[in-house]
Protein backbone atom coordinates (compact mmCIF):
# COMPACT_ATOMS: atom_id res chain seq x y z
CA MET A 1 71.98 19.37 -0.80
CA GLY A 2 72.45 19.76 3.30
CA ALA A 3 72.16 23.84 3.24
CA GLU A 4 71.19 24.11 7.10
CA MET A 5 68.93 27.90 5.38
CA VAL A 6 67.47 28.34 2.46
CA ILE A 7 66.95 31.73 1.39
CA ALA A 8 64.75 31.51 -1.92
CA VAL A 9 63.77 34.77 -4.36
CA ASP A 10 60.08 34.73 -5.73
CA ILE A 11 60.35 36.73 -9.07
CA SER A 12 57.23 35.23 -10.46
CA THR A 13 54.28 36.71 -12.69
CA PRO A 14 51.36 36.19 -11.34
CA PRO A 15 49.14 35.59 -14.25
CA ASP A 16 46.75 38.69 -15.61
CA GLY A 17 43.72 37.25 -16.47
CA ASN A 18 43.35 39.05 -19.16
CA THR A 19 42.56 37.46 -22.14
CA THR A 20 44.83 35.90 -24.25
CA GLY A 21 44.32 37.35 -28.11
CA ASP A 22 47.07 36.34 -29.75
CA THR A 23 49.26 33.14 -29.07
CA LEU A 24 52.36 35.16 -28.04
CA ARG A 25 50.21 35.73 -24.96
CA LEU A 26 48.29 33.03 -24.44
CA LEU A 27 52.13 30.83 -24.02
CA LEU A 28 53.25 33.81 -21.25
CA GLN A 29 49.95 34.03 -19.83
CA THR A 30 49.76 30.05 -19.03
CA PHE A 31 53.66 29.82 -17.89
CA ALA A 32 52.86 32.04 -15.75
CA ILE A 33 49.79 29.79 -13.98
CA MET A 34 52.58 26.66 -13.95
CA GLY A 35 55.24 28.89 -12.37
CA LYS A 36 53.01 30.13 -9.76
CA SER A 37 52.16 25.88 -9.17
CA LEU A 38 55.64 25.41 -9.28
CA ASN A 39 56.36 27.79 -6.85
CA THR A 40 53.93 27.29 -4.37
CA TYR A 41 55.58 23.45 -4.09
CA GLU A 42 59.06 24.48 -4.58
CA LEU A 43 58.96 27.91 -2.05
CA ARG A 44 57.50 25.35 1.06
CA ASP A 45 60.86 24.32 2.08
CA ALA A 46 62.22 28.05 2.44
CA ASP A 47 62.99 29.53 5.50
CA ILE A 48 62.88 32.75 4.31
CA VAL A 49 61.18 33.32 1.00
CA VAL A 50 62.15 37.28 -0.43
CA ARG A 51 58.92 38.69 -2.99
CA PRO A 52 59.85 42.10 -4.40
CA ALA A 53 57.67 44.18 -6.13
CA LEU A 54 57.86 43.96 -9.27
CA ILE A 55 54.36 45.45 -10.57
CA GLY A 56 54.77 46.09 -13.97
CA VAL A 57 58.02 44.26 -14.43
CA ALA A 58 57.34 41.39 -17.10
CA GLY A 59 59.58 38.15 -16.50
CA ALA A 60 61.22 39.13 -19.91
CA ASP A 61 61.18 42.82 -18.91
CA PHE A 62 65.40 43.20 -18.98
CA THR A 63 65.19 46.84 -19.31
CA SER A 64 63.73 47.41 -16.25
CA ARG A 65 66.33 45.35 -14.43
CA VAL A 66 67.75 48.60 -11.87
CA ARG A 67 64.33 48.63 -10.82
CA ALA A 68 64.06 44.91 -10.41
CA ILE A 69 67.05 45.31 -8.72
CA ARG A 70 65.99 47.83 -6.21
CA ALA A 71 62.58 45.99 -5.33
CA GLY A 72 64.94 42.96 -4.45
CA ARG A 73 66.87 45.04 -1.81
CA GLU A 74 63.62 46.81 -0.81
CA ALA A 75 62.33 43.10 0.39
CA THR A 76 65.47 41.54 1.68
CA ALA A 77 65.57 44.49 3.73
CA THR A 78 62.37 44.44 5.06
CA LEU A 79 63.21 40.69 6.59
CA LEU A 80 66.63 41.81 7.30
CA PRO A 81 65.77 40.90 11.12
CA ASP A 82 63.72 37.63 10.57
CA ILE A 83 67.62 36.17 8.51
CA LYS A 84 69.50 37.17 11.44
CA ALA A 85 67.22 35.79 14.14
CA LYS A 86 67.20 32.86 11.92
CA LEU A 87 70.96 33.06 11.51
CA ALA A 88 71.47 33.19 15.04
CA ALA A 89 69.39 30.26 15.82
CA LEU A 90 71.70 28.42 13.71
CA THR A 91 74.52 29.54 15.53
CA ARG A 92 74.00 28.68 18.99
């Protein structure tokens, strides 16, 4: 779409590998597997991929949003030198 730099955020949940005892868990596990496959395809074109540590935060866990935001900030701060370097290279 014409972007000079793409920063992607991967908040997908890896499949947990546990047995799926009910329909809802089976469905969530299926979504996680599909999401992981899509991410591999979609994220390969990103210049920077931010992957916050969201261990224990499920995809529909809206009660942990403060913790998720904090994890996103921490992951981005770690990548900030790379982001700045890529931005600097674009302006030369």
